[in-house]
């Protein structure tokens, strides 16, 4: 499975962004997809995940309702909507895919940079 992220950019605090992750290859093998992020000097952290059906979603504790994750199965694309962005949301955002609940996140994209200024 190949994952390609897009939609990052430079925004101001309070703005919104929509990140996209398009999957290609053996997309029928995908069990779940997720977004992670990594800020400079910090460890990678989980942001949000969505099951294959799109019906079940879950989020990192820090999200607190500001982000939403959706999946368009017809386009094999997952979206992450970032609302009310804060400077501490500045990071590289990565898309990942999982083939079963017993597997790790085995497929990763190259990442898209999100920078939030005051």
N, C-alpha and C. Protein backbone atom coordinates (compact mmCIF):
# COMPACT_ATOMS: atom_id res chain seq x y z
N UNK A 1 0.85 -1.18 0.00
CA UNK A 1 0.00 0.00 0.00
C UNK A 1 0.88 1.24 0.00
N UNK A 2 0.57 2.16 -0.87
CA UNK A 2 1.30 3.43 -0.93
C UNK A 2 0.37 4.54 -0.46
N UNK A 3 0.91 5.42 0.38
CA UNK A 3 0.12 6.52 0.94
C UNK A 3 0.77 7.84 0.57
N UNK A 4 -0.05 8.79 0.12
CA UNK A 4 0.45 10.11 -0.26
C UNK A 4 -0.40 11.16 0.43
N UNK A 5 0.24 11.97 1.28
CA UNK A 5 -0.45 13.04 1.99
C UNK A 5 -0.36 14.34 1.20
N UNK A 6 -1.34 15.21 1.46
CA UNK A 6 -1.33 16.56 0.89
C UNK A 6 -2.19 17.46 1.76
N UNK A 7 -2.09 18.76 1.53
CA UNK A 7 -2.96 19.71 2.20
C UNK A 7 -2.32 20.53 3.30
N UNK A 8 -1.07 20.23 3.63
CA UNK A 8 -0.41 21.01 4.66
C UNK A 8 -0.09 22.40 4.19
N UNK A 9 0.37 23.24 5.12
CA UNK A 9 0.73 24.60 4.74
C UNK A 9 0.99 25.46 5.94
N UNK A 10 1.16 26.74 5.68
CA UNK A 10 1.39 27.75 6.72
C UNK A 10 0.09 28.51 6.95
N UNK A 11 -0.39 28.47 8.18
CA UNK A 11 -1.64 29.15 8.52
C UNK A 11 -1.45 29.93 9.81
N UNK A 12 -2.46 30.74 10.14
CA UNK A 12 -2.42 31.49 11.39
C UNK A 12 -3.24 30.77 12.46
N UNK A 13 -2.95 31.07 13.70
CA UNK A 13 -3.69 30.50 14.81
C UNK A 13 -5.18 30.78 14.63
N UNK A 14 -6.00 29.74 14.88
CA UNK A 14 -7.44 29.87 14.70
C UNK A 14 -7.94 29.42 13.34
N UNK A 15 -7.04 29.28 12.39
CA UNK A 15 -7.42 28.84 11.04
C UNK A 15 -7.71 27.33 11.02
N UNK A 16 -8.17 26.88 9.85
CA UNK A 16 -8.44 25.46 9.64
C UNK A 16 -7.69 24.96 8.42
N UNK A 17 -7.46 23.65 8.40
CA UNK A 17 -6.85 22.98 7.25
C UNK A 17 -7.51 21.63 7.08
N UNK A 18 -7.50 21.13 5.84
CA UNK A 18 -7.92 19.76 5.60
C UNK A 18 -6.78 19.01 4.94
N UNK A 19 -6.31 18.00 5.63
CA UNK A 19 -5.26 17.14 5.09
C UNK A 19 -5.89 15.94 4.40
N UNK A 20 -5.27 15.50 3.33
CA UNK A 20 -5.75 14.34 2.59
C UNK A 20 -4.67 13.27 2.54
N UNK A 21 -5.10 12.02 2.54
CA UNK A 21 -4.18 10.89 2.40
C UNK A 21 -4.81 9.92 1.41
N UNK A 22 -4.18 9.80 0.26
CA UNK A 22 -4.70 8.91 -0.77
C UNK A 22 -3.91 7.62 -0.77
N UNK A 23 -4.62 6.50 -0.69
CA UNK A 23 -3.99 5.18 -0.70
C UNK A 23 -4.08 4.57 -2.09
N UNK A 24 -3.05 3.85 -2.46
CA UNK A 24 -3.06 3.12 -3.73
C UNK A 24 -2.39 1.77 -3.51
N UNK A 25 -2.56 0.90 -4.48
CA UNK A 25 -2.02 -0.45 -4.35
C UNK A 25 -3.09 -1.38 -3.80
N UNK A 26 -2.72 -2.25 -2.86
CA UNK A 26 -3.65 -3.23 -2.31
C UNK A 26 -4.53 -2.60 -1.23
N UNK A 27 -5.36 -1.65 -1.63
CA UNK A 27 -6.19 -0.93 -0.66
C UNK A 27 -7.24 -1.84 -0.03
N UNK A 28 -7.58 -2.94 -0.68
CA UNK A 28 -8.57 -3.86 -0.11
C UNK A 28 -8.04 -4.54 1.15
N UNK A 29 -6.73 -4.50 1.35
CA UNK A 29 -6.14 -5.13 2.54
C UNK A 29 -6.13 -4.22 3.76
N UNK A 30 -6.53 -2.96 3.58
CA UNK A 30 -6.47 -1.99 4.68
C UNK A 30 -7.58 -2.25 5.69
N UNK A 31 -7.22 -2.36 6.94
CA UNK A 31 -8.18 -2.54 8.04
C UNK A 31 -8.54 -1.19 8.66
N UNK A 32 -7.55 -0.36 8.84
CA UNK A 32 -7.76 0.96 9.44
C UNK A 32 -6.68 1.91 8.93
N UNK A 33 -6.98 3.20 9.00
CA UNK A 33 -6.00 4.22 8.64
C UNK A 33 -5.96 5.25 9.75
N UNK A 34 -4.85 5.97 9.83
CA UNK A 34 -4.69 6.91 10.93
C UNK A 34 -3.76 8.04 10.53
N UNK A 35 -3.81 9.07 11.35
CA UNK A 35 -2.88 10.20 11.24
C UNK A 35 -2.05 10.27 12.51
N UNK A 36 -0.77 10.51 12.32
CA UNK A 36 0.17 10.76 13.40
C UNK A 36 0.84 12.10 13.11
N UNK A 37 1.50 12.65 14.10
CA UNK A 37 2.27 13.86 13.86
C UNK A 37 3.54 13.84 14.68
N UNK A 38 4.52 14.59 14.19
CA UNK A 38 5.79 14.70 14.90
C UNK A 38 6.28 16.13 14.81
N UNK A 39 6.42 16.75 15.96
CA UNK A 39 6.94 18.11 16.05
C UNK A 39 8.45 18.05 16.26
N UNK A 40 9.15 19.11 15.92
CA UNK A 40 10.62 19.12 16.09
C UNK A 40 11.01 18.82 17.53
N UNK A 41 11.91 17.86 17.71
CA UNK A 41 12.40 17.53 19.02
C UNK A 41 11.45 16.71 19.88
N UNK A 42 10.33 16.29 19.30
CA UNK A 42 9.35 15.51 20.07
C UNK A 42 9.12 14.16 19.41
N UNK A 43 8.57 13.24 20.18
CA UNK A 43 8.24 11.94 19.65
C UNK A 43 6.97 12.01 18.81
N UNK A 44 6.86 11.06 17.89
CA UNK A 44 5.65 10.97 17.08
C UNK A 44 4.47 10.63 17.98
N UNK A 45 3.32 11.27 17.72
CA UNK A 45 2.14 10.99 18.54
C UNK A 45 0.93 10.72 17.65
N UNK A 46 0.03 9.90 18.17
CA UNK A 46 -1.18 9.54 17.47
C UNK A 46 -2.16 10.71 17.48
N UNK A 47 -2.77 10.98 16.33
CA UNK A 47 -3.74 12.07 16.21
C UNK A 47 -5.16 11.53 16.10
N UNK A 48 -5.40 10.68 15.10
CA UNK A 48 -6.76 10.18 14.86
C UNK A 48 -6.71 8.93 14.00
N UNK A 49 -7.72 8.08 14.16
CA UNK A 49 -7.80 6.86 13.37
C UNK A 49 -9.23 6.62 12.91
N UNK A 50 -9.37 5.83 11.84
CA UNK A 50 -10.68 5.50 11.30
C UNK A 50 -10.64 4.08 10.77
N UNK A 51 -11.72 3.32 11.02
CA UNK A 51 -11.81 1.96 10.53
C UNK A 51 -12.14 1.95 9.05
N UNK A 52 -11.98 0.81 8.43
CA UNK A 52 -12.21 0.65 6.99
C UNK A 52 -13.59 1.16 6.59
N UNK A 53 -14.58 0.83 7.40
CA UNK A 53 -15.96 1.22 7.08
C UNK A 53 -16.18 2.72 7.23
N UNK A 54 -15.33 3.37 7.99
CA UNK A 54 -15.50 4.79 8.24
C UNK A 54 -16.42 5.08 9.41
N UNK A 55 -17.02 4.05 9.99
CA UNK A 55 -18.01 4.26 11.04
C UNK A 55 -17.39 4.46 12.41
N UNK A 56 -16.24 3.90 12.65
CA UNK A 56 -15.58 4.03 13.95
C UNK A 56 -14.35 4.92 13.83
N UNK A 57 -14.29 5.93 14.69
CA UNK A 57 -13.15 6.83 14.72
C UNK A 57 -12.68 6.98 16.17
N UNK A 58 -11.44 7.32 16.33
CA UNK A 58 -10.88 7.58 17.67
C UNK A 58 -9.76 8.61 17.54
N UNK A 59 -9.47 9.29 18.66
CA UNK A 59 -8.59 10.45 18.63
C UNK A 59 -7.62 10.45 19.79
N UNK A 60 -6.51 11.13 19.58
CA UNK A 60 -5.58 11.37 20.67
C UNK A 60 -6.21 12.30 21.70
N UNK A 61 -5.78 12.17 22.94
CA UNK A 61 -6.39 12.94 24.03
C UNK A 61 -6.30 14.45 23.80
N UNK A 62 -5.26 14.90 23.15
CA UNK A 62 -5.05 16.34 23.01
C UNK A 62 -6.01 16.96 22.00
N UNK A 63 -6.68 16.15 21.17
CA UNK A 63 -7.51 16.68 20.10
C UNK A 63 -8.70 17.47 20.66
N UNK A 64 -9.39 16.90 21.62
CA UNK A 64 -10.47 17.59 22.34
C UNK A 64 -11.48 18.24 21.40
N UNK A 65 -11.92 17.48 20.39
CA UNK A 65 -12.98 17.95 19.52
C UNK A 65 -12.57 18.90 18.42
N UNK A 66 -11.31 19.24 18.33
CA UNK A 66 -10.90 20.22 17.30
C UNK A 66 -10.70 19.58 15.94
N UNK A 67 -10.42 18.30 15.89
CA UNK A 67 -10.13 17.62 14.62
C UNK A 67 -11.20 16.58 14.31
N UNK A 68 -11.43 16.34 13.03
CA UNK A 68 -12.31 15.25 12.61
C UNK A 68 -11.59 14.43 11.54
N UNK A 69 -11.89 13.14 11.50
CA UNK A 69 -11.31 12.25 10.50
C UNK A 69 -12.45 11.55 9.76
N UNK A 70 -12.35 11.54 8.46
CA UNK A 70 -13.35 10.88 7.63
C UNK A 70 -12.65 10.06 6.55
N UNK A 71 -13.41 9.11 5.99
CA UNK A 71 -12.83 8.24 4.96
C UNK A 71 -13.79 8.14 3.79
N UNK A 72 -13.27 8.35 2.61
CA UNK A 72 -14.01 8.18 1.36
C UNK A 72 -13.50 6.89 0.72
N UNK A 73 -14.22 5.80 0.95
CA UNK A 73 -13.75 4.50 0.46
C UNK A 73 -13.68 4.45 -1.05
N UNK A 74 -14.60 5.14 -1.72
CA UNK A 74 -14.60 5.12 -3.18
C UNK A 74 -13.32 5.71 -3.74
N UNK A 75 -12.76 6.68 -3.02
CA UNK A 75 -11.52 7.33 -3.47
C UNK A 75 -10.30 6.80 -2.74
N UNK A 76 -10.50 5.83 -1.83
CA UNK A 76 -9.40 5.31 -1.01
C UNK A 76 -8.64 6.47 -0.36
N UNK A 77 -9.38 7.42 0.14
CA UNK A 77 -8.77 8.62 0.72
C UNK A 77 -9.30 8.86 2.12
N UNK A 78 -8.41 9.28 3.00
CA UNK A 78 -8.77 9.66 4.36
C UNK A 78 -8.46 11.14 4.53
N UNK A 79 -9.36 11.84 5.19
CA UNK A 79 -9.20 13.28 5.41
C UNK A 79 -9.07 13.56 6.90
N UNK A 80 -8.25 14.54 7.22
CA UNK A 80 -8.15 15.02 8.59
C UNK A 80 -8.42 16.51 8.57
N UNK A 81 -9.52 16.88 9.19
CA UNK A 81 -9.89 18.29 9.26
C UNK A 81 -9.36 18.85 10.58
N UNK A 82 -8.54 19.87 10.46
CA UNK A 82 -7.93 20.51 11.63
C UNK A 82 -8.59 21.86 11.82
N UNK A 83 -9.27 22.05 12.94
CA UNK A 83 -9.94 23.30 13.24
C UNK A 83 -9.28 24.01 14.41
N UNK A 84 -9.46 25.33 14.45
CA UNK A 84 -8.93 26.13 15.56
C UNK A 84 -7.46 25.78 15.83
N UNK A 85 -6.66 25.86 14.81
CA UNK A 85 -5.26 25.46 14.93
C UNK A 85 -4.50 26.37 15.89
N UNK A 86 -3.55 25.76 16.59
CA UNK A 86 -2.72 26.46 17.56
C UNK A 86 -1.26 26.28 17.18
N UNK A 87 -0.39 27.18 17.61
CA UNK A 87 1.04 27.02 17.28
C UNK A 87 1.59 25.66 17.69
N UNK A 88 1.09 25.09 18.76
CA UNK A 88 1.57 23.78 19.21
C UNK A 88 1.11 22.64 18.30
N UNK A 89 0.27 22.93 17.33
CA UNK A 89 -0.11 21.92 16.34
C UNK A 89 0.91 21.84 15.20
N UNK A 90 1.88 22.73 15.21
CA UNK A 90 2.92 22.70 14.18
C UNK A 90 3.68 21.38 14.24
N UNK A 91 3.71 20.69 13.10
CA UNK A 91 4.33 19.37 13.05
C UNK A 91 4.27 18.85 11.62
N UNK A 92 4.97 17.76 11.39
CA UNK A 92 4.77 17.00 10.15
C UNK A 92 3.68 15.97 10.46
N UNK A 93 2.68 15.94 9.63
CA UNK A 93 1.56 15.02 9.81
C UNK A 93 1.72 13.86 8.83
N UNK A 94 1.67 12.65 9.39
CA UNK A 94 1.87 11.44 8.61
C UNK A 94 0.59 10.59 8.59
N UNK A 95 0.36 9.99 7.46
CA UNK A 95 -0.74 9.04 7.30
C UNK A 95 -0.17 7.63 7.42
N UNK A 96 -0.96 6.73 8.01
CA UNK A 96 -0.51 5.34 8.18
C UNK A 96 -1.68 4.39 7.93
N UNK A 97 -1.36 3.16 7.57
CA UNK A 97 -2.38 2.14 7.33
C UNK A 97 -2.02 0.87 8.07
N UNK A 98 -3.06 0.13 8.45
CA UNK A 98 -2.92 -1.10 9.24
C UNK A 98 -3.74 -2.18 8.54
N UNK A 99 -3.19 -3.39 8.46
CA UNK A 99 -3.88 -4.45 7.75
C UNK A 99 -4.76 -5.32 8.65
N UNK A 100 -4.52 -5.28 9.93
CA UNK A 100 -5.37 -6.02 10.87
C UNK A 100 -5.15 -5.41 12.24
N UNK A 101 -6.08 -5.65 13.19
CA UNK A 101 -5.90 -5.08 14.53
C UNK A 101 -4.69 -5.65 15.26
N UNK A 102 -4.15 -6.76 14.78
CA UNK A 102 -2.98 -7.35 15.44
C UNK A 102 -1.68 -6.79 14.87
N UNK A 103 -1.78 -6.09 13.75
CA UNK A 103 -0.58 -5.57 13.11
C UNK A 103 -0.23 -4.17 13.61
N UNK A 104 1.03 -3.81 13.44
CA UNK A 104 1.42 -2.42 13.64
C UNK A 104 0.98 -1.61 12.42
N UNK A 105 1.22 -0.32 12.49
CA UNK A 105 0.97 0.54 11.34
C UNK A 105 2.13 0.30 10.37
N UNK A 106 1.86 -0.45 9.32
CA UNK A 106 2.94 -0.95 8.47
C UNK A 106 3.20 -0.11 7.23
N UNK A 107 2.24 0.70 6.83
CA UNK A 107 2.41 1.55 5.66
C UNK A 107 2.37 3.01 6.11
N UNK A 108 3.31 3.80 5.59
CA UNK A 108 3.42 5.21 5.99
C UNK A 108 3.62 6.09 4.76
N UNK A 109 3.05 7.29 4.84
CA UNK A 109 3.30 8.28 3.81
C UNK A 109 4.55 9.09 4.12
N UNK A 110 4.85 10.03 3.26
CA UNK A 110 6.06 10.83 3.41
C UNK A 110 5.85 12.02 4.34
N UNK A 111 4.60 12.34 4.65
CA UNK A 111 4.29 13.43 5.57
C UNK A 111 3.98 14.73 4.86
N UNK A 112 3.23 15.57 5.55
CA UNK A 112 2.93 16.91 5.05
C UNK A 112 3.09 17.89 6.21
N UNK A 113 3.76 19.00 5.95
CA UNK A 113 4.10 19.95 7.00
C UNK A 113 2.93 20.89 7.28
N UNK A 114 2.61 21.03 8.55
CA UNK A 114 1.64 22.02 9.00
C UNK A 114 2.37 22.98 9.94
N UNK A 115 2.30 24.25 9.62
CA UNK A 115 2.94 25.28 10.43
C UNK A 115 1.90 26.32 10.81
N UNK A 116 1.77 26.55 12.11
CA UNK A 116 0.77 27.49 12.62
C UNK A 116 1.48 28.65 13.29
N UNK A 117 1.24 29.84 12.79
CA UNK A 117 1.88 31.03 13.36
C UNK A 117 0.87 31.79 14.21
N UNK A 118 1.41 32.64 15.09
CA UNK A 118 0.53 33.44 15.95
C UNK A 118 -0.16 34.54 15.16
